[in-house]
């Protein structure tokens, strides 16, 4: 596998994180849209339910007026049923969108956590190597300091 010019050992993982970040953002936007559609379906259902509740019986008791009033009420009832179905569908879509976003969010978080752990491991390894190098330098200096008086005495 070819390395990038700057020798970033996590270049591939960063690319994966970018792709997963875009997917997470897309699914979050989809969830936002689905939730907005669900709210709109709920608003429409409330409006139709209010219309049905405010529908009055016809004042005229003649058969033609009664039949027209019943047809209007039946039409509103059909709208109410359609609105309930639309709300149920919107709720299902929102639930699926939320699950999709959560899955994408979890995948992105996993890659980000892996990148953080790898960076922390590299920092710890770098500190360990620095400590070893400092110990070697201190030991060499101590040995030189110890040898110098002995060599001067000879």
C-alpha atoms as a PDB file:
ATOM      1  CA  UNK A   1       0.000   0.000   0.000  1.00  0.00           C
ATOM      2  CA  UNK A   2       1.469   3.330  -1.039  1.00  0.00           C
ATOM      3  CA  UNK A   3       2.025   5.961   1.576  1.00  0.00           C
ATOM      4  CA  UNK A   4       1.003   9.561   1.184  1.00  0.00           C
ATOM      5  CA  UNK A   5       3.727  12.155   0.642  1.00  0.00           C
ATOM      6  CA  UNK A   6       3.500  13.348   4.247  1.00  0.00           C
ATOM      7  CA  UNK A   7       3.752   9.750   5.536  1.00  0.00           C
ATOM      8  CA  UNK A   8       0.526   9.993   7.513  1.00  0.00           C
ATOM      9  CA  UNK A   9      -0.047   6.471   8.870  1.00  0.00           C
ATOM     10  CA  UNK A  10      -3.733   7.266   9.345  1.00  0.00           C
ATOM     11  CA  UNK A  11      -4.422   8.721   5.910  1.00  0.00           C
ATOM     12  CA  UNK A  12      -6.605   5.763   4.958  1.00  0.00           C
ATOM     13  CA  UNK A  13      -8.524   5.868   8.222  1.00  0.00           C
ATOM     14  CA  UNK A  14      -9.011   9.615   7.838  1.00  0.00           C
ATOM     15  CA  UNK A  15     -10.480   8.978   4.388  1.00  0.00           C
ATOM     16  CA  UNK A  16     -12.828   6.402   5.894  1.00  0.00           C
ATOM     17  CA  UNK A  17     -13.778   8.937   8.590  1.00  0.00           C
ATOM     18  CA  UNK A  18     -14.534  11.566   5.932  1.00  0.00           C
ATOM     19  CA  UNK A  19     -16.750   9.156   3.997  1.00  0.00           C
ATOM     20  CA  UNK A  20     -18.549   8.030   7.138  1.00  0.00           C
ATOM     21  CA  UNK A  21     -18.905  11.658   8.205  1.00  0.00           C
ATOM     22  CA  UNK A  22     -20.616  12.475   4.934  1.00  0.00           C
ATOM     23  CA  UNK A  23     -22.904   9.461   5.303  1.00  0.00           C
ATOM     24  CA  UNK A  24     -23.742  10.457   8.874  1.00  0.00           C
ATOM     25  CA  UNK A  25     -24.494  14.012   7.775  1.00  0.00           C
ATOM     26  CA  UNK A  26     -26.701  12.763   4.926  1.00  0.00           C
ATOM     27  CA  UNK A  27     -28.629  10.446   7.225  1.00  0.00           C
ATOM     28  CA  UNK A  28     -28.990  13.272   9.787  1.00  0.00           C
ATOM     29  CA  UNK A  29     -30.444  15.493   7.061  1.00  0.00           C
ATOM     30  CA  UNK A  30     -32.761  12.630   6.054  1.00  0.00           C
ATOM     31  CA  UNK A  31     -33.865  12.271   9.669  1.00  0.00           C
ATOM     32  CA  UNK A  32     -34.498  16.004   9.902  1.00  0.00           C
ATOM     33  CA  UNK A  33     -36.613  15.887   6.754  1.00  0.00           C
ATOM     34  CA  UNK A  34     -38.536  12.813   7.934  1.00  0.00           C
ATOM     35  CA  UNK A  35     -39.219  14.445  11.307  1.00  0.00           C
ATOM     36  CA  UNK A  36     -40.449  17.598   9.553  1.00  0.00           C
ATOM     37  CA  UNK A  37     -42.737  15.478   7.362  1.00  0.00           C
ATOM     38  CA  UNK A  38     -44.042  13.703  10.463  1.00  0.00           C
ATOM     39  CA  UNK A  39     -44.786  17.029  12.171  1.00  0.00           C
ATOM     40  CA  UNK A  40     -46.570  18.237   9.037  1.00  0.00           C
ATOM     41  CA  UNK A  41     -48.645  15.025   8.862  1.00  0.00           C
ATOM     42  CA  UNK A  42     -49.568  15.492  12.521  1.00  0.00           C
ATOM     43  CA  UNK A  43     -50.552  19.102  11.853  1.00  0.00           C
ATOM     44  CA  UNK A  44     -52.732  18.008   8.922  1.00  0.00           C
ATOM     45  CA  UNK A  45     -54.360  15.311  11.039  1.00  0.00           C
ATOM     46  CA  UNK A  46     -55.127  17.839  13.766  1.00  0.00           C
ATOM     47  CA  UNK A  47     -56.613  20.220  11.196  1.00  0.00           C
ATOM     48  CA  UNK A  48     -58.873  17.515   9.741  1.00  0.00           C
ATOM     49  CA  UNK A  49     -59.898  16.361  13.233  1.00  0.00           C
ATOM     50  CA  UNK A  50     -60.770  19.951  14.136  1.00  0.00           C
ATOM     51  CA  UNK A  51     -62.754  20.282  10.916  1.00  0.00           C
ATOM     52  CA  UNK A  52     -64.689  17.107  11.760  1.00  0.00           C
ATOM     53  CA  UNK A  53     -65.288  18.269  15.325  1.00  0.00           C
ATOM     54  CA  UNK A  54     -66.623  21.630  14.173  1.00  0.00           C
ATOM     55  CA  UNK A  55     -68.838  20.125  11.467  1.00  0.00           C
ATOM     56  CA  UNK A  56     -72.397  20.729  12.547  1.00  0.00           C
ATOM     57  CA  UNK A  57     -75.545  18.943  11.756  1.00  0.00           C
ATOM     58  CA  UNK A  58     -77.493  20.725   9.066  1.00  0.00           C
ATOM     59  CA  UNK A  59     -80.018  23.206  10.368  1.00  0.00           C
ATOM     60  CA  UNK A  60     -82.545  22.157   7.783  1.00  0.00           C
ATOM     61  CA  UNK A  61     -84.254  18.920   8.566  1.00  0.00           C
ATOM     62  CA  UNK A  62     -85.226  18.254   4.987  1.00  0.00           C
ATOM     63  CA  UNK A  63     -83.871  15.014   3.476  1.00  0.00           C
ATOM     64  CA  UNK A  64     -81.719  16.748   0.835  1.00  0.00           C
ATOM     65  CA  UNK A  65     -79.945  18.955   3.431  1.00  0.00           C
ATOM     66  CA  UNK A  66     -79.439  15.982   5.717  1.00  0.00           C
ATOM     67  CA  UNK A  67     -77.943  13.922   2.878  1.00  0.00           C
ATOM     68  CA  UNK A  68     -75.563  16.743   1.905  1.00  0.00           C
ATOM     69  CA  UNK A  69     -74.480  17.143   5.534  1.00  0.00           C
ATOM     70  CA  UNK A  70     -73.843  13.422   5.860  1.00  0.00           C
ATOM     71  CA  UNK A  71     -71.818  13.390   2.619  1.00  0.00           C
ATOM     72  CA  UNK A  72     -69.699  16.298   3.867  1.00  0.00           C
ATOM     73  CA  UNK A  73     -69.111  14.503   7.194  1.00  0.00           C
ATOM     74  CA  UNK A  74     -68.235  11.291   5.347  1.00  0.00           C
ATOM     75  CA  UNK A  75     -65.750  13.207   3.175  1.00  0.00           C
ATOM     76  CA  UNK A  76     -64.100  14.673   6.266  1.00  0.00           C
ATOM     77  CA  UNK A  77     -64.003  11.207   7.854  1.00  0.00           C
ATOM     78  CA  UNK A  78     -62.268   9.854   4.732  1.00  0.00           C
ATOM     79  CA  UNK A  79     -59.762  12.732   4.972  1.00  0.00           C
ATOM     80  CA  UNK A  80     -59.271  11.904   8.656  1.00  0.00           C
ATOM     81  CA  UNK A  81     -58.511   8.250   7.883  1.00  0.00           C
ATOM     82  CA  UNK A  82     -56.118   9.251   5.096  1.00  0.00           C
ATOM     83  CA  UNK A  83     -54.399  11.708   7.453  1.00  0.00           C
ATOM     84  CA  UNK A  84     -54.048   9.018  10.121  1.00  0.00           C
ATOM     85  CA  UNK A  85     -52.470   6.664   7.590  1.00  0.00           C
ATOM     86  CA  UNK A  86     -50.138   9.426   6.386  1.00  0.00           C
ATOM     87  CA  UNK A  87     -49.081  10.114   9.966  1.00  0.00           C
ATOM     88  CA  UNK A  88     -48.475   6.406  10.605  1.00  0.00           C
ATOM     89  CA  UNK A  89     -46.375   6.196   7.445  1.00  0.00           C
ATOM     90  CA  UNK A  90     -44.432   9.351   8.373  1.00  0.00           C
ATOM     91  CA  UNK A  91     -43.825   7.947  11.848  1.00  0.00           C
ATOM     92  CA  UNK A  92     -42.462   4.723  10.355  1.00  0.00           C
ATOM     93  CA  UNK A  93     -40.219   6.643   7.965  1.00  0.00           C
ATOM     94  CA  UNK A  94     -38.940   8.782  10.843  1.00  0.00           C
ATOM     95  CA  UNK A  95     -38.216   5.699  12.932  1.00  0.00           C
ATOM     96  CA  UNK A  96     -36.294   4.076  10.084  1.00  0.00           C
ATOM     97  CA  UNK A  97     -34.420   7.333   9.397  1.00  0.00           C
ATOM     98  CA  UNK A  98     -33.497   7.621  13.082  1.00  0.00           C
ATOM     99  CA  UNK A  99     -32.178   4.039  13.111  1.00  0.00           C
ATOM    100  CA  UNK A 100     -30.205   4.721   9.933  1.00  0.00           C
ATOM    101  CA  UNK A 101     -28.701   7.893  11.407  1.00  0.00           C
ATOM    102  CA  UNK A 102     -27.848   6.126  14.679  1.00  0.00           C
ATOM    103  CA  UNK A 103     -26.092   3.365  12.772  1.00  0.00           C
ATOM    104  CA  UNK A 104     -24.126   5.869  10.676  1.00  0.00           C
ATOM    105  CA  UNK A 105     -23.336   7.941  13.769  1.00  0.00           C
ATOM    106  CA  UNK A 106     -22.064   4.862  15.604  1.00  0.00           C
ATOM    107  CA  UNK A 107     -19.867   3.871  12.669  1.00  0.00           C
ATOM    108  CA  UNK A 108     -18.401   7.361  12.461  1.00  0.00           C
ATOM    109  CA  UNK A 109     -17.793   7.427  16.214  1.00  0.00           C
ATOM    110  CA  UNK A 110     -16.013   4.069  15.998  1.00  0.00           C
ATOM    111  CA  UNK A 111     -13.617   5.318  13.318  1.00  0.00           C
ATOM    112  CA  UNK A 112     -12.993   8.558  15.224  1.00  0.00           C
ATOM    113  CA  UNK A 113     -12.310   6.598  18.410  1.00  0.00           C
ATOM    114  CA  UNK A 114      -9.916   4.314  16.539  1.00  0.00           C
ATOM    115  CA  UNK A 115      -8.072   7.346  15.153  1.00  0.00           C
ATOM    116  CA  UNK A 116      -7.813   8.843  18.643  1.00  0.00           C
ATOM    117  CA  UNK A 117      -6.502   5.586  20.091  1.00  0.00           C
ATOM    118  CA  UNK A 118      -3.941   5.202  17.329  1.00  0.00           C
ATOM    119  CA  UNK A 119      -2.743   8.777  17.859  1.00  0.00           C
ATOM    120  CA  UNK A 120      -2.530   8.173  21.610  1.00  0.00           C
ATOM    121  CA  UNK A 121      -0.581   4.953  21.028  1.00  0.00           C
ATOM    122  CA  UNK A 122       1.857   6.832  18.779  1.00  0.00           C
ATOM    123  CA  UNK A 123       2.267   9.560  21.422  1.00  0.00           C
ATOM    124  CA  UNK A 124       2.911   6.951  24.109  1.00  0.00           C
ATOM    125  CA  UNK A 125       5.448   5.158  21.881  1.00  0.00           C
ATOM    126  CA  UNK A 126       7.165   8.454  21.081  1.00  0.00           C
ATOM    127  CA  UNK A 127       7.385   9.289  24.807  1.00  0.00           C
ATOM    128  CA  UNK A 128       8.755   5.815  25.549  1.00  0.00           C
ATOM    129  CA  UNK A 129      11.438   6.213  22.873  1.00  0.00           C
ATOM    130  CA  UNK A 130      12.316   9.669  24.192  1.00  0.00           C
ATOM    131  CA  UNK A 131      12.673   8.284  27.723  1.00  0.00           C
ATOM    132  CA  UNK A 132      14.940   5.504  26.475  1.00  0.00           C
ATOM    133  CA  UNK A 133      17.043   8.021  24.560  1.00  0.00           C
ATOM    134  CA  UNK A 134      17.282  10.340  27.569  1.00  0.00           C
ATOM    135  CA  UNK A 135      18.240   7.396  29.783  1.00  0.00           C
ATOM    136  CA  UNK A 136      20.965   6.423  27.288  1.00  0.00           C
ATOM    137  CA  UNK A 137      22.290   9.982  27.173  1.00  0.00           C
ATOM    138  CA  UNK A 138      22.282  10.316  30.961  1.00  0.00           C
ATOM    139  CA  UNK A 139      23.998   6.944  31.331  1.00  0.00           C
ATOM    140  CA  UNK A 140      26.664   7.880  28.789  1.00  0.00           C
ATOM    141  CA  UNK A 141      27.285  11.203  30.507  1.00  0.00           C
ATOM    142  CA  UNK A 142      27.494   9.527  33.893  1.00  0.00           C
ATOM    143  CA  UNK A 143      30.004   7.012  32.513  1.00  0.00           C
ATOM    144  CA  UNK A 144      32.098   9.812  30.970  1.00  0.00           C
ATOM    145  CA  UNK A 145      32.039  11.743  34.195  1.00  0.00           C
ATOM    146  CA  UNK A 146      33.101   8.661  36.117  1.00  0.00           C
ATOM    147  CA  UNK A 147      35.895   7.758  33.716  1.00  0.00           C
ATOM    148  CA  UNK A 148      37.352  11.226  33.463  1.00  0.00           C
ATOM    149  CA  UNK A 149      38.661  11.426  37.081  1.00  0.00           C
ATOM    150  CA  UNK A 150      40.051   7.892  36.847  1.00  0.00           C
ATOM    151  CA  UNK A 151      41.835   8.613  33.572  1.00  0.00           C
ATOM    152  CA  UNK A 152      43.233  11.836  34.948  1.00  0.00           C
ATOM    153  CA  UNK A 153      44.713   9.971  37.930  1.00  0.00           C
ATOM    154  CA  UNK A 154      46.735   7.608  35.742  1.00  0.00           C
END
